[in-house]
Amino acid sequence: MKAEVFAEMPNELKTIEIDTRNKIFKINGEDFGERCTGFNIHCDATEGFMVRMNIDADILFVSKYNLKGEKI
């Protein structure tokens, strides 16, 4: 399982594509919906426009150890 939502973290927001009927969730052409637990799009229009998108994702790391503290 990949731990990241994106292979590379985008540093610029170019496009947002959300189509709930066809289950398409993309930022800059990259899928983000599979591991996403929530997202928020915000636009400020004070001096021009600033569009911001926050994506939440739960990332789980698991290691198992026996009672002696040895990794199993």
PDB file of N, CA and C in Angstrom:
ATOM      1  N   MET A   1       0.828  -1.181   0.000  1.00  0.00           N
ATOM      2  CA  MET A   1       0.000   0.000   0.000  1.00  0.00           C
ATOM      3  C   MET A   1       0.871   1.242   0.000  1.00  0.00           C
ATOM      4  N   LYS A   2       0.546   2.187  -0.845  1.00  0.00           N
ATOM      5  CA  LYS A   2       1.252   3.460  -0.829  1.00  0.00           C
ATOM      6  C   LYS A   2       0.814   4.255   0.395  1.00  0.00           C
ATOM      7  N   ALA A   3       1.749   4.971   0.986  1.00  0.00           N
ATOM      8  CA  ALA A   3       1.434   5.768   2.172  1.00  0.00           C
ATOM      9  C   ALA A   3       1.003   7.178   1.798  1.00  0.00           C
ATOM     10  N   GLU A   4       1.263   7.588   0.567  1.00  0.00           N
ATOM     11  CA  GLU A   4       0.980   8.960   0.200  1.00  0.00           C
ATOM     12  C   GLU A   4      -0.281   9.063  -0.648  1.00  0.00           C
ATOM     13  N   VAL A   5      -0.898  10.222  -0.626  1.00  0.00           N
ATOM     14  CA  VAL A   5      -2.056  10.488  -1.458  1.00  0.00           C
ATOM     15  C   VAL A   5      -1.590  10.800  -2.874  1.00  0.00           C
ATOM     16  N   PHE A   6      -0.479  11.514  -3.006  1.00  0.00           N
ATOM     17  CA  PHE A   6       0.121  11.856  -4.291  1.00  0.00           C
ATOM     18  C   PHE A   6       1.501  11.234  -4.392  1.00  0.00           C
ATOM     19  N   ALA A   7       1.900  10.848  -5.603  1.00  0.00           N
ATOM     20  CA  ALA A   7       3.267  10.381  -5.819  1.00  0.00           C
ATOM     21  C   ALA A   7       4.242  11.527  -5.565  1.00  0.00           C
ATOM     22  N   GLU A   8       3.879  12.727  -6.008  1.00  0.00           N
ATOM     23  CA  GLU A   8       4.636  13.944  -5.738  1.00  0.00           C
ATOM     24  C   GLU A   8       3.672  14.987  -5.216  1.00  0.00           C
ATOM     25  N   MET A   9       4.029  15.668  -4.160  1.00  0.00           N
ATOM     26  CA  MET A   9       3.148  16.676  -3.583  1.00  0.00           C
ATOM     27  C   MET A   9       3.126  17.905  -4.496  1.00  0.00           C
ATOM     28  N   PRO A  10       1.950  18.290  -5.001  1.00  0.00           N
ATOM     29  CA  PRO A  10       1.898  19.466  -5.877  1.00  0.00           C
ATOM     30  C   PRO A  10       2.201  20.736  -5.092  1.00  0.00           C
ATOM     31  N   ASN A  11       2.977  21.644  -5.702  1.00  0.00           N
ATOM     32  CA  ASN A  11       3.278  22.906  -5.036  1.00  0.00           C
ATOM     33  C   ASN A  11       2.491  24.061  -5.652  1.00  0.00           C
ATOM     34  N   GLU A  12       1.668  23.750  -6.659  1.00  0.00           N
ATOM     35  CA  GLU A  12       0.846  24.766  -7.290  1.00  0.00           C
ATOM     36  C   GLU A  12      -0.499  24.139  -7.661  1.00  0.00           C
ATOM     37  N   LEU A  13      -1.565  24.861  -7.422  1.00  0.00           N
ATOM     38  CA  LEU A  13      -2.892  24.386  -7.763  1.00  0.00           C
ATOM     39  C   LEU A  13      -3.236  24.905  -9.153  1.00  0.00           C
ATOM     40  N   LYS A  14      -3.280  23.985 -10.124  1.00  0.00           N
ATOM     41  CA  LYS A  14      -3.597  24.369 -11.506  1.00  0.00           C
ATOM     42  C   LYS A  14      -5.032  24.002 -11.862  1.00  0.00           C
ATOM     43  N   THR A  15      -5.436  22.756 -11.597  1.00  0.00           N
ATOM     44  CA  THR A  15      -6.789  22.323 -11.927  1.00  0.00           C
ATOM     45  C   THR A  15      -7.366  21.480 -10.797  1.00  0.00           C
ATOM     46  N   ILE A  16      -8.667  21.596 -10.603  1.00  0.00           N
ATOM     47  CA  ILE A  16      -9.425  20.746  -9.685  1.00  0.00           C
ATOM     48  C   ILE A  16     -10.553  20.128 -10.501  1.00  0.00           C
ATOM     49  N   GLU A  17     -10.651  18.802 -10.488  1.00  0.00           N
ATOM     50  CA  GLU A  17     -11.735  18.119 -11.185  1.00  0.00           C
ATOM     51  C   GLU A  17     -12.455  17.223 -10.190  1.00  0.00           C
ATOM     52  N   ILE A  18     -13.717  17.524  -9.943  1.00  0.00           N
ATOM     53  CA  ILE A  18     -14.533  16.721  -9.034  1.00  0.00           C
ATOM     54  C   ILE A  18     -15.835  16.392  -9.752  1.00  0.00           C
ATOM     55  N   ASP A  19     -16.062  15.107  -9.969  1.00  0.00           N
ATOM     56  CA  ASP A  19     -17.279  14.623 -10.612  1.00  0.00           C
ATOM     57  C   ASP A  19     -17.802  13.483  -9.747  1.00  0.00           C
ATOM     58  N   THR A  20     -18.739  13.794  -8.858  1.00  0.00           N
ATOM     59  CA  THR A  20     -19.211  12.790  -7.895  1.00  0.00           C
ATOM     60  C   THR A  20     -19.981  11.670  -8.573  1.00  0.00           C
ATOM     61  N   ARG A  21     -20.673  11.959  -9.655  1.00  0.00           N
ATOM     62  CA  ARG A  21     -21.432  10.921 -10.358  1.00  0.00           C
ATOM     63  C   ARG A  21     -20.497   9.850 -10.921  1.00  0.00           C
ATOM     64  N   ASN A  22     -19.379  10.277 -11.507  1.00  0.00           N
ATOM     65  CA  ASN A  22     -18.429   9.330 -12.108  1.00  0.00           C
ATOM     66  C   ASN A  22     -17.261   8.991 -11.189  1.00  0.00           C
ATOM     67  N   LYS A  23     -17.310   9.468  -9.940  1.00  0.00           N
ATOM     68  CA  LYS A  23     -16.280   9.195  -8.926  1.00  0.00           C
ATOM     69  C   LYS A  23     -14.889   9.617  -9.389  1.00  0.00           C
ATOM     70  N   ILE A  24     -14.788  10.836  -9.905  1.00  0.00           N
ATOM     71  CA  ILE A  24     -13.509  11.399 -10.341  1.00  0.00           C
ATOM     72  C   ILE A  24     -13.132  12.504  -9.365  1.00  0.00           C
ATOM     73  N   PHE A  25     -11.945  12.390  -8.780  1.00  0.00           N
ATOM     74  CA  PHE A  25     -11.416  13.387  -7.846  1.00  0.00           C
ATOM     75  C   PHE A  25      -9.955  13.604  -8.221  1.00  0.00           C
ATOM     76  N   LYS A  26      -9.645  14.735  -8.857  1.00  0.00           N
ATOM     77  CA  LYS A  26      -8.286  14.982  -9.344  1.00  0.00           C
ATOM     78  C   LYS A  26      -7.853  16.408  -9.030  1.00  0.00           C
ATOM     79  N   ILE A  27      -6.561  16.539  -8.739  1.00  0.00           N
ATOM     80  CA  ILE A  27      -5.896  17.834  -8.637  1.00  0.00           C
ATOM     81  C   ILE A  27      -4.726  17.784  -9.599  1.00  0.00           C
ATOM     82  N   ASN A  28      -4.632  18.771 -10.465  1.00  0.00           N
ATOM     83  CA  ASN A  28      -3.569  18.824 -11.479  1.00  0.00           C
ATOM     84  C   ASN A  28      -3.473  17.515 -12.259  1.00  0.00           C
ATOM     85  N   GLY A  29      -4.615  16.858 -12.494  1.00  0.00           N
ATOM     86  CA  GLY A  29      -4.645  15.614 -13.255  1.00  0.00           C
ATOM     87  C   GLY A  29      -4.313  14.366 -12.460  1.00  0.00           C
ATOM     88  N   GLU A  30      -3.979  14.495 -11.170  1.00  0.00           N
ATOM     89  CA  GLU A  30      -3.610  13.362 -10.318  1.00  0.00           C
ATOM     90  C   GLU A  30      -4.797  12.967  -9.434  1.00  0.00           C
ATOM     91  N   ASP A  31      -5.119  11.686  -9.391  1.00  0.00           N
ATOM     92  CA  ASP A  31      -6.196  11.194  -8.536  1.00  0.00           C
ATOM     93  C   ASP A  31      -5.853  11.406  -7.064  1.00  0.00           C
ATOM     94  N   PHE A  32      -6.844  11.835  -6.279  1.00  0.00           N
ATOM     95  CA  PHE A  32      -6.630  11.938  -4.836  1.00  0.00           C
ATOM     96  C   PHE A  32      -7.748  11.283  -4.036  1.00  0.00           C
ATOM     97  N   GLY A  33      -8.772  10.788  -4.667  1.00  0.00           N
ATOM     98  CA  GLY A  33      -9.944  10.300  -3.956  1.00  0.00           C
ATOM     99  C   GLY A  33      -9.790   8.988  -3.224  1.00  0.00           C
ATOM    100  N   GLU A  34      -8.892   8.115  -3.678  1.00  0.00           N
ATOM    101  CA  GLU A  34      -8.816   6.765  -3.113  1.00  0.00           C
ATOM    102  C   GLU A  34      -8.431   6.746  -1.638  1.00  0.00           C
ATOM    103  N   ARG A  35      -7.468   7.524  -1.221  1.00  0.00           N
ATOM    104  CA  ARG A  35      -7.006   7.518   0.176  1.00  0.00           C
ATOM    105  C   ARG A  35      -7.467   8.753   0.953  1.00  0.00           C
ATOM    106  N   CYS A  36      -8.306   9.541   0.339  1.00  0.00           N
ATOM    107  CA  CYS A  36      -8.769  10.781   0.946  1.00  0.00           C
ATOM    108  C   CYS A  36      -9.898  10.497   1.939  1.00  0.00           C
ATOM    109  N   THR A  37      -9.821  11.103   3.124  1.00  0.00           N
ATOM    110  CA  THR A  37     -10.897  10.979   4.103  1.00  0.00           C
ATOM    111  C   THR A  37     -11.748  12.249   4.162  1.00  0.00           C
ATOM    112  N   GLY A  38     -11.323  13.290   3.469  1.00  0.00           N
ATOM    113  CA  GLY A  38     -12.087  14.529   3.409  1.00  0.00           C
ATOM    114  C   GLY A  38     -11.297  15.596   2.671  1.00  0.00           C
ATOM    115  N   PHE A  39     -12.004  16.583   2.128  1.00  0.00           N
ATOM    116  CA  PHE A  39     -11.317  17.695   1.489  1.00  0.00           C
ATOM    117  C   PHE A  39     -12.157  18.951   1.608  1.00  0.00           C
ATOM    118  N   ASN A  40     -11.500  20.099   1.437  1.00  0.00           N
ATOM    119  CA  ASN A  40     -12.128  21.392   1.583  1.00  0.00           C
ATOM    120  C   ASN A  40     -11.547  22.316   0.522  1.00  0.00           C
ATOM    121  N   ILE A  41     -12.406  23.009  -0.197  1.00  0.00           N
ATOM    122  CA  ILE A  41     -11.968  23.999  -1.183  1.00  0.00           C
ATOM    123  C   ILE A  41     -12.393  25.367  -0.670  1.00  0.00           C
ATOM    124  N   HIS A  42     -11.451  26.315  -0.664  1.00  0.00           N
ATOM    125  CA  HIS A  42     -11.725  27.644  -0.135  1.00  0.00           C
ATOM    126  C   HIS A  42     -11.215  28.682  -1.131  1.00  0.00           C
ATOM    127  N   CYS A  43     -11.999  29.722  -1.349  1.00  0.00           N
ATOM    128  CA  CYS A  43     -11.603  30.791  -2.263  1.00  0.00           C
ATOM    129  C   CYS A  43     -11.745  32.133  -1.560  1.00  0.00           C
ATOM    130  N   ASP A  44     -10.659  32.925  -1.556  1.00  0.00           N
ATOM    131  CA  ASP A  44     -10.681  34.297  -1.053  1.00  0.00           C
ATOM    132  C   ASP A  44     -10.604  35.240  -2.246  1.00  0.00           C
ATOM    133  N   ALA A  45     -11.464  36.237  -2.276  1.00  0.00           N
ATOM    134  CA  ALA A  45     -11.472  37.180  -3.395  1.00  0.00           C
ATOM    135  C   ALA A  45     -11.309  38.603  -2.879  1.00  0.00           C
ATOM    136  N   THR A  46     -10.262  38.836  -2.107  1.00  0.00           N
ATOM    137  CA  THR A  46     -10.036  40.174  -1.566  1.00  0.00           C
ATOM    138  C   THR A  46      -9.180  41.003  -2.523  1.00  0.00           C
ATOM    139  N   GLU A  47      -7.987  40.549  -2.808  1.00  0.00           N
ATOM    140  CA  GLU A  47      -7.107  41.213  -3.786  1.00  0.00           C
ATOM    141  C   GLU A  47      -6.796  40.194  -4.865  1.00  0.00           C
ATOM    142  N   GLY A  48      -7.675  40.049  -5.832  1.00  0.00           N
ATOM    143  CA  GLY A  48      -7.554  38.972  -6.799  1.00  0.00           C
ATOM    144  C   GLY A  48      -8.205  37.738  -6.196  1.00  0.00           C
ATOM    145  N   PHE A  49      -7.801  36.586  -6.664  1.00  0.00           N
ATOM    146  CA  PHE A  49      -8.363  35.339  -6.159  1.00  0.00           C
ATOM    147  C   PHE A  49      -7.270  34.444  -5.616  1.00  0.00           C
ATOM    148  N   MET A  50      -7.529  33.826  -4.483  1.00  0.00           N
ATOM    149  CA  MET A  50      -6.643  32.811  -3.938  1.00  0.00           C
ATOM    150  C   MET A  50      -7.507  31.581  -3.681  1.00  0.00           C
ATOM    151  N   VAL A  51      -7.187  30.486  -4.369  1.00  0.00           N
ATOM    152  CA  VAL A  51      -7.923  29.241  -4.201  1.00  0.00           C
ATOM    153  C   VAL A  51      -7.034  28.286  -3.430  1.00  0.00           C
ATOM    154  N   ARG A  52      -7.586  27.701  -2.377  1.00  0.00           N
ATOM    155  CA  ARG A  52      -6.820  26.799  -1.515  1.00  0.00           C
ATOM    156  C   ARG A  52      -7.618  25.515  -1.361  1.00  0.00           C
ATOM    157  N   MET A  53      -6.929  24.388  -1.405  1.00  0.00           N
ATOM    158  CA  MET A  53      -7.590  23.103  -1.210  1.00  0.00           C
ATOM    159  C   MET A  53      -6.819  22.304  -0.182  1.00  0.00           C
ATOM    160  N   ASN A  54      -7.518  21.851   0.849  1.00  0.00           N
ATOM    161  CA  ASN A  54      -6.932  21.000   1.883  1.00  0.00           C
ATOM    162  C   ASN A  54      -7.452  19.590   1.683  1.00  0.00           C
ATOM    163  N   ILE A  55      -6.562  18.602   1.767  1.00  0.00           N
ATOM    164  CA  ILE A  55      -6.955  17.204   1.642  1.00  0.00           C
ATOM    165  C   ILE A  55      -6.535  16.480   2.909  1.00  0.00           C
ATOM    166  N   ASP A  56      -7.476  15.741   3.501  1.00  0.00           N
ATOM    167  CA  ASP A  56      -7.186  14.935   4.683  1.00  0.00           C
ATOM    168  C   ASP A  56      -7.067  13.476   4.262  1.00  0.00           C
ATOM    169  N   ALA A  57      -6.104  12.787   4.859  1.00  0.00           N
ATOM    170  CA  ALA A  57      -5.938  11.356   4.595  1.00  0.00           C
ATOM    171  C   ALA A  57      -5.386  10.696   5.843  1.00  0.00           C
ATOM    172  N   ASP A  58      -5.961   9.557   6.193  1.00  0.00           N
ATOM    173  CA  ASP A  58      -5.430   8.773   7.301  1.00  0.00           C
ATOM    174  C   ASP A  58      -4.376   7.833   6.755  1.00  0.00           C
ATOM    175  N   ILE A  59      -3.195   7.873   7.338  1.00  0.00           N
ATOM    176  CA  ILE A  59      -2.102   6.993   6.927  1.00  0.00           C
ATOM    177  C   ILE A  59      -1.773   6.111   8.116  1.00  0.00           C
ATOM    178  N   LEU A  60      -1.815   4.819   7.918  1.00  0.00           N
ATOM    179  CA  LEU A  60      -1.639   3.855   8.994  1.00  0.00           C
ATOM    180  C   LEU A  60      -0.306   3.136   8.836  1.00  0.00           C
ATOM    181  N   PHE A  61       0.490   3.125   9.886  1.00  0.00           N
ATOM    182  CA  PHE A  61       1.740   2.375   9.937  1.00  0.00           C
ATOM    183  C   PHE A  61       1.583   1.286  10.975  1.00  0.00           C
ATOM    184  N   VAL A  62       1.915   0.044  10.642  1.00  0.00           N
ATOM    185  CA  VAL A  62       1.731  -1.070  11.557  1.00  0.00           C
ATOM    186  C   VAL A  62       3.027  -1.852  11.685  1.00  0.00           C
ATOM    187  N   SER A  63       3.420  -2.155  12.900  1.00  0.00           N
ATOM    188  CA  SER A  63       4.527  -3.063  13.207  1.00  0.00           C
ATOM    189  C   SER A  63       4.048  -3.978  14.326  1.00  0.00           C
ATOM    190  N   LYS A  64       4.404  -5.246  14.245  1.00  0.00           N
ATOM    191  CA  LYS A  64       3.992  -6.197  15.275  1.00  0.00           C
ATOM    192  C   LYS A  64       5.210  -6.673  16.047  1.00  0.00           C
ATOM    193  N   TYR A  65       5.038  -6.785  17.374  1.00  0.00           N
ATOM    194  CA  TYR A  65       6.107  -7.250  18.266  1.00  0.00           C
ATOM    195  C   TYR A  65       5.526  -8.281  19.221  1.00  0.00           C
ATOM    196  N   ASN A  66       6.364  -9.274  19.615  1.00  0.00           N
ATOM    197  CA  ASN A  66       5.916 -10.231  20.602  1.00  0.00           C
ATOM    198  C   ASN A  66       6.109  -9.644  21.998  1.00  0.00           C
ATOM    199  N   LEU A  67       5.785 -10.404  23.034  1.00  0.00           N
ATOM    200  CA  LEU A  67       5.886  -9.888  24.398  1.00  0.00           C
ATOM    201  C   LEU A  67       7.316  -9.588  24.836  1.00  0.00           C
ATOM    202  N   LYS A  68       8.300 -10.151  24.148  1.00  0.00           N
ATOM    203  CA  LYS A  68       9.710  -9.880  24.454  1.00  0.00           C
ATOM    204  C   LYS A  68      10.210  -8.630  23.734  1.00  0.00           C
ATOM    205  N   GLY A  69       9.358  -7.992  22.920  1.00  0.00           N
ATOM    206  CA  GLY A  69       9.764  -6.804  22.201  1.00  0.00           C
ATOM    207  C   GLY A  69      10.435  -7.098  20.862  1.00  0.00           C
ATOM    208  N   GLU A  70      10.390  -8.356  20.431  1.00  0.00           N
ATOM    209  CA  GLU A  70      11.000  -8.741  19.164  1.00  0.00           C
ATOM    210  C   GLU A  70       9.984  -8.561  18.042  1.00  0.00           C
ATOM    211  N   LYS A  71      10.463  -8.023  16.940  1.00  0.00           N
ATOM    212  CA  LYS A  71       9.580  -7.810  15.805  1.00  0.00           C
ATOM    213  C   LYS A  71       9.176  -9.139  15.195  1.00  0.00           C
ATOM    214  N   ILE A  72       7.898  -9.313  14.937  1.00  0.00           N
ATOM    215  CA  ILE A  72       7.435 -10.554  14.305  1.00  0.00           C
ATOM    216  C   ILE A  72       6.798 -10.268  12.953  1.00  0.00           C
TER     217      ILE A  72
END
